[in-house]
Protein backbone atom coordinates (compact mmCIF):
# COMPACT_ATOMS: atom_id res chain seq x y z
CA MET A 1 -0.14 -0.09 -0.14
CA PHE A 2 2.73 2.39 0.45
CA ARG A 3 4.79 1.97 -2.91
CA LYS A 4 0.99 2.31 -4.68
CA VAL A 5 0.76 5.93 -2.42
CA LEU A 6 4.13 6.82 -2.62
CA GLY A 7 4.38 6.06 -6.60
CA VAL A 8 1.27 8.42 -7.13
CA ALA A 9 3.06 11.05 -4.77
CA VAL A 10 5.96 10.75 -7.29
CA PHE A 11 3.54 10.23 -10.33
CA LEU A 12 1.39 13.61 -9.45
CA PHE A 13 4.80 15.33 -8.59
CA LEU A 14 6.66 14.69 -11.86
CA ILE A 15 2.71 16.06 -14.08
CA GLY A 16 3.48 18.94 -12.03
CA LEU A 17 7.01 19.41 -12.74
CA LEU A 18 6.08 18.79 -16.48
CA ALA A 19 3.11 21.25 -16.15
CA TYR A 20 5.63 23.85 -14.90
CA PHE A 21 8.50 23.82 -17.02
CA LEU A 22 5.34 23.78 -20.52
CA PHE A 23 4.01 26.76 -18.42
CA GLU A 24 7.43 28.25 -18.09
CA ARG A 25 8.16 27.53 -21.88
CA ARG A 26 5.11 29.24 -22.87
CA GLN A 27 5.38 32.26 -20.99
CA GLN A 28 8.90 32.82 -22.32
CA ASP A 29 7.98 32.25 -26.09
CA GLU A 30 4.86 35.13 -25.54
CA THR A 31 7.40 37.59 -24.14
CA GLU A 32 10.14 36.39 -26.76
CA GLY A 33 10.93 39.74 -29.57
CA VAL A 34 8.91 41.90 -27.59
CA VAL A 35 11.05 45.09 -26.70
CA ARG A 36 10.23 47.22 -23.87
CA VAL A 37 10.83 51.07 -24.52
CA LYS A 38 10.81 53.76 -22.21
CA LYS A 39 8.71 56.93 -23.60
CA GLU A 40 10.53 59.76 -23.76
CA GLU A 41 9.18 63.14 -23.21
CA ILE A 42 9.28 65.52 -25.72
CA PRO A 43 8.46 69.51 -24.53
CA VAL A 44 6.99 72.30 -26.65
CA VAL A 45 7.38 75.98 -25.35
CA VAL A 46 5.09 78.51 -26.75
CA VAL A 47 6.24 82.24 -25.80
CA GLY A 48 3.78 84.31 -24.99
CA TRP A 49 3.73 88.15 -24.29
CA ASP A 50 3.46 88.05 -20.60
CA GLU A 51 3.76 83.96 -19.78
CA GLU A 52 4.72 81.15 -21.31
CA GLU A 53 2.57 77.77 -22.00
CA ARG A 54 4.69 74.39 -22.03
CA GLY A 55 3.55 71.33 -22.76
CA SER A 56 5.00 67.89 -23.69
CA VAL A 57 4.15 65.13 -26.47
CA PHE A 58 5.28 61.09 -25.34
CA LEU A 59 6.39 59.02 -27.86
CA ASP A 60 8.38 55.60 -28.27
CA GLY A 61 11.73 55.91 -29.11
CA ALA A 62 12.23 58.99 -30.99
CA THR A 63 14.73 59.86 -33.78
CA PRO A 64 16.22 63.30 -34.01
CA GLU A 65 14.20 64.20 -36.89
CA GLN A 66 10.99 62.86 -35.70
CA ARG A 67 11.26 65.04 -32.52
CA ALA A 68 11.66 67.81 -34.79
CA ARG A 69 9.09 67.06 -36.69
CA ILE A 70 6.90 66.92 -33.58
CA ILE A 71 8.06 69.94 -32.38
CA ILE A 72 7.32 71.80 -35.67
CA ASP A 73 4.01 70.04 -35.50
CA GLU A 74 2.29 71.34 -31.96
CA LEU A 75 4.26 74.68 -32.85
CA ARG A 76 1.79 74.81 -35.91
CA LYS A 77 -1.28 73.44 -33.93
CA LYS A 78 -0.55 75.95 -31.23
CA GLY A 79 -0.28 78.96 -33.06
CA ALA A 80 3.34 79.81 -32.29
CA ILE A 81 4.60 79.36 -36.03
CA PRO A 82 2.28 79.96 -39.48
CA THR A 83 0.50 76.51 -40.46
CA GLN A 84 2.49 76.55 -44.22
CA THR A 85 5.66 76.75 -42.26
CA GLU A 86 8.02 73.11 -43.41
CA LEU A 87 11.39 71.76 -41.49
CA ILE A 88 13.35 71.52 -44.45
CA ASP A 89 16.21 69.39 -42.16
CA MET A 90 18.10 69.92 -39.42
CA ALA A 91 21.74 69.63 -37.97
CA LYS A 92 23.59 69.40 -34.74
CA GLY A 93 26.66 71.10 -34.22
CA LYS A 94 29.60 69.62 -31.87
CA ASP A 95 29.65 72.91 -30.15
CA GLY A 96 25.92 72.66 -28.88
CA THR A 97 24.31 74.89 -31.82
CA ILE A 98 21.07 72.83 -33.41
CA TYR A 99 21.03 74.22 -37.61
CA LEU A 100 17.18 74.36 -38.07
CA ASN A 101 16.29 74.96 -42.13
CA PHE A 102 12.91 76.82 -42.50
CA SER A 103 10.72 76.83 -45.69
CA SER A 104 10.74 80.50 -46.97
CA ASP A 105 7.19 80.63 -45.52
CA LEU A 106 8.53 81.26 -42.17
CA SER A 107 9.89 84.74 -43.39
CA LEU A 108 6.97 85.60 -45.43
CA SER A 109 4.17 84.42 -43.07
CA VAL A 110 5.34 86.09 -39.86
CA ARG A 111 5.11 89.91 -40.02
CA GLU A 112 4.31 91.53 -36.31
CA PRO A 113 7.06 92.37 -34.10
CA MET A 114 4.97 89.73 -31.17
CA GLU A 115 4.55 87.64 -34.03
CA GLU A 116 8.32 87.35 -34.87
CA ILE A 117 9.57 86.79 -31.22
CA ARG A 118 6.33 83.80 -30.37
CA ALA A 119 7.36 82.26 -33.63
CA VAL A 120 11.64 82.52 -32.65
CA TYR A 121 11.80 82.04 -28.86
CA SER A 122 9.25 79.01 -28.99
CA ILE A 123 11.56 77.37 -31.75
CA VAL A 124 14.85 78.13 -29.84
CA ASP A 125 12.99 77.16 -26.33
CA SER A 126 11.48 74.09 -27.28
CA PHE A 127 14.68 72.57 -29.26
CA VAL A 128 16.66 73.80 -26.59
CA LEU A 129 14.96 71.44 -24.54
CA ALA A 130 13.94 68.74 -26.62
CA PHE A 131 17.92 68.32 -27.12
CA PRO A 132 19.77 67.65 -24.15
CA GLY A 133 23.48 69.21 -24.49
CA SER A 134 22.19 71.70 -27.18
CA GLN A 135 22.86 75.31 -26.18
CA ARG A 136 21.69 77.34 -28.82
CA VAL A 137 19.74 77.55 -32.19
CA GLN A 138 20.39 78.82 -35.40
CA ILE A 139 17.40 79.82 -37.52
CA LEU A 140 17.86 79.47 -41.34
CA ILE A 141 15.73 80.07 -44.18
CA GLU A 142 16.15 77.31 -47.23
CA GLY A 143 20.09 76.89 -46.14
CA ARG A 144 20.92 80.65 -45.57
CA ALA A 145 20.40 82.59 -42.52
CA MET A 146 18.88 85.68 -42.57
CA PRO A 147 19.67 88.94 -40.86
CA THR A 148 16.20 89.18 -39.16
CA ILE A 149 12.63 87.13 -39.79
CA SER A 150 10.40 90.27 -40.00
CA GLY A 151 12.70 92.74 -38.85
CA LEU A 152 12.93 93.18 -35.34
CA LEU A 153 15.44 90.32 -34.10
CA PHE A 154 18.59 89.33 -35.09
CA THR A 155 18.37 85.89 -36.20
CA TYR A 156 21.87 85.87 -38.17
CA ARG A 157 23.45 84.15 -35.41
CA PRO A 158 22.53 80.76 -32.93
CA LEU A 159 19.92 82.39 -30.47
CA GLU A 160 20.04 81.42 -26.68
CA PRO A 161 16.91 80.19 -24.99
CA MET A 162 14.57 83.01 -23.60
CA LYS A 163 13.81 81.73 -20.51
CA GLU A 164 16.85 79.00 -19.06
CA ALA A 165 15.82 75.55 -19.67
CA GLU A 166 14.43 73.36 -16.67
């Protein structure tokens, strides 16, 4: 009788062990190939006369080009830059300068001084915050540095953020 009970106990133990290993294998197969990516925050700053509006967009593993496009899209949505403005390309220098090449729509559509301040510093502040290690932004129009966008701000050289990046 004892042998029967011992035999049944060993048999049940082996079945339990087999079930455990099969379950573990299935769990491992389900998670294989899944890469967990931390959502990263892409800050967007819209400069106003008395205050600034800060917002963020979250995206999984964005490339620098994707981050730049997201910032430009958000600035368009918030009215900080003209809706027809296109970012042609961007580059980041070793000295911490971000070079942003815009379509001529940026300079043609921004006419009022407050619009120029809002557009330029919303771009500069957003990009400096979104790209760690960057310190200033050079705005180019169709590949050329312009003395000014619409007559108020000197944009021929790279600009630092209006407010300290936090």
